[in-house]
Amino acid sequence: MQFMRTAFALAFCAAAWGINLRSSGKQDPKGAGQPEPTMDLACSECNKHAPYLDREDPCVCHATDIMGTFANDATKELTTRKEYGFETVNTGKERLPEGWMWHCRPVSATEGLWKQCPAPAQ
């Protein structure tokens, strides 16, 4: 019985600590290869690493919202017959939440897909 109380108390403390970390206000970039929730976070992460990535060409940071680039099953629409016509409904979300990735230069030539990050403050 004492073991269960101790285990419960430890689990409660760990959960409270995790909630405190999430609600601390300041967001840090998630790290390499992880989509960031905002373009600003992706650009700040790129600007942090840019000085180390400019071996031959300067690293000019660009970011793109990968969650809005391609269609996927979460945004799928279903068209069915209804009475004498058709009805189309969205079976999932209308749009996925933003997920921004950065790169030193645009990876594709698609117009408007890659947005240049603002220059870092000196």
Protein backbone atom coordinates (compact mmCIF):
# COMPACT_ATOMS: atom_id res chain seq x y z
CA MET A 1 0.00 0.00 0.00
CA GLN A 2 2.84 2.35 0.85
CA PHE A 3 4.47 1.55 -2.51
CA MET A 4 1.28 2.52 -4.37
CA ARG A 5 1.10 5.87 -2.57
CA THR A 6 4.73 6.61 -3.37
CA ALA A 7 4.29 5.61 -7.01
CA PHE A 8 1.17 7.78 -7.30
CA ALA A 9 2.94 10.75 -5.72
CA LEU A 10 5.90 10.42 -8.10
CA ALA A 11 3.61 10.14 -11.12
CA PHE A 12 1.68 13.22 -9.99
CA CYS A 13 4.89 15.24 -9.53
CA ALA A 14 6.19 14.19 -12.95
CA ALA A 15 2.91 15.19 -14.62
CA ALA A 16 2.87 18.56 -12.82
CA TRP A 17 6.48 19.21 -13.88
CA GLY A 18 5.64 18.37 -17.51
CA ILE A 19 2.64 20.71 -17.52
CA ASN A 20 4.81 23.47 -16.04
CA LEU A 21 7.39 23.05 -18.82
CA ARG A 22 4.75 23.24 -21.54
CA SER A 23 3.08 26.34 -20.16
CA SER A 24 6.27 28.29 -19.49
CA GLY A 25 5.44 30.81 -22.27
CA LYS A 26 8.73 30.84 -24.19
CA GLN A 27 8.90 28.36 -27.04
CA ASP A 28 12.19 26.93 -28.16
CA PRO A 29 12.72 25.30 -31.53
CA LYS A 30 12.01 21.56 -31.45
CA GLY A 31 15.28 20.66 -33.15
CA ALA A 32 16.57 19.38 -36.44
CA GLY A 33 14.06 17.55 -38.61
CA GLN A 34 11.06 18.47 -36.44
CA PRO A 35 8.41 20.81 -37.89
CA GLU A 36 8.03 24.04 -35.93
CA PRO A 37 4.57 25.48 -35.18
CA THR A 38 5.49 28.94 -36.54
CA MET A 39 7.69 30.35 -39.29
CA ASP A 40 9.45 32.55 -36.71
CA LEU A 41 10.61 29.50 -34.74
CA ALA A 42 11.84 27.75 -37.89
CA CYS A 43 13.70 30.89 -38.95
CA SER A 44 15.27 31.36 -35.52
CA GLU A 45 16.51 27.76 -35.58
CA CYS A 46 17.94 28.26 -39.08
CA ASN A 47 19.62 31.53 -38.11
CA LYS A 48 21.19 29.77 -35.12
CA HIS A 49 22.75 27.08 -37.35
CA ALA A 50 23.43 29.20 -40.47
CA PRO A 51 26.98 30.30 -39.52
CA TYR A 52 28.06 26.65 -39.44
CA LEU A 53 26.42 25.74 -42.78
CA ASP A 54 28.00 28.27 -45.13
CA ARG A 55 31.07 26.35 -46.29
CA GLU A 56 30.84 27.17 -50.00
CA ASP A 57 27.73 29.32 -50.36
CA PRO A 58 26.25 31.59 -47.70
CA CYS A 59 23.27 30.07 -45.88
CA VAL A 60 20.25 32.29 -46.62
CA CYS A 61 17.43 30.86 -44.51
CA HIS A 62 14.10 29.93 -46.11
CA ALA A 63 11.08 28.23 -44.54
CA THR A 64 8.02 26.40 -45.84
CA ASP A 65 4.81 25.10 -44.25
CA ILE A 66 5.03 21.39 -45.04
CA MET A 67 1.64 20.59 -43.51
CA GLY A 68 -0.15 22.73 -46.10
CA THR A 69 1.92 21.76 -49.13
CA PHE A 70 0.47 18.36 -50.05
CA ALA A 71 -2.98 16.81 -49.87
CA ASN A 72 -3.35 13.88 -47.48
CA ASP A 73 -6.04 11.73 -45.87
CA ALA A 74 -6.58 14.15 -42.99
CA THR A 75 -8.03 16.68 -45.44
CA LYS A 76 -9.91 14.18 -47.61
CA GLU A 77 -13.33 15.02 -49.05
CA LEU A 78 -16.11 12.53 -49.66
CA THR A 79 -18.60 13.03 -52.51
CA THR A 80 -21.84 11.05 -52.37
CA ARG A 81 -25.18 11.11 -54.14
CA LYS A 82 -27.90 13.01 -52.33
CA GLU A 83 -31.40 13.09 -53.74
CA TYR A 84 -30.94 14.24 -57.37
CA GLY A 85 -27.42 15.63 -57.03
CA PHE A 86 -24.17 15.22 -55.18
CA GLU A 87 -22.96 16.30 -51.75
CA THR A 88 -19.30 16.81 -50.83
CA VAL A 89 -18.27 16.81 -47.18
CA ASN A 90 -14.88 17.08 -45.55
CA THR A 91 -14.23 13.83 -43.68
CA GLY A 92 -11.30 15.17 -41.67
CA LYS A 93 -9.85 18.55 -40.93
CA GLU A 94 -10.13 21.39 -43.41
CA ARG A 95 -6.41 22.04 -42.97
CA LEU A 96 -3.66 20.49 -40.89
CA PRO A 97 -1.99 22.69 -38.26
CA GLU A 98 1.04 24.58 -39.50
CA GLY A 99 4.39 22.78 -39.52
CA TRP A 100 7.36 24.85 -40.71
CA MET A 101 10.69 23.44 -41.91
CA TRP A 102 13.78 25.46 -42.82
CA HIS A 103 16.58 25.13 -45.34
CA CYS A 104 19.54 27.29 -46.41
CA ARG A 105 18.02 27.89 -49.83
CA PRO A 106 14.74 27.02 -51.56
CA VAL A 107 14.66 23.28 -52.28
CA SER A 108 12.15 23.57 -55.13
CA ALA A 109 11.37 26.15 -57.80
CA THR A 110 7.65 26.23 -56.95
CA GLU A 111 6.62 29.87 -56.83
CA GLY A 112 5.64 31.10 -53.35
CA LEU A 113 6.36 27.79 -51.58
CA TRP A 114 9.60 28.82 -49.84
CA LYS A 115 9.58 32.10 -47.96
CA GLN A 116 12.83 33.86 -47.12
CA CYS A 117 13.36 34.37 -43.41
CA PRO A 118 13.98 37.87 -42.08
CA ALA A 119 17.63 38.63 -41.38
CA PRO A 120 18.63 37.99 -37.75
CA ALA A 121 18.91 41.02 -35.49
CA GLN A 122 22.52 42.01 -34.93
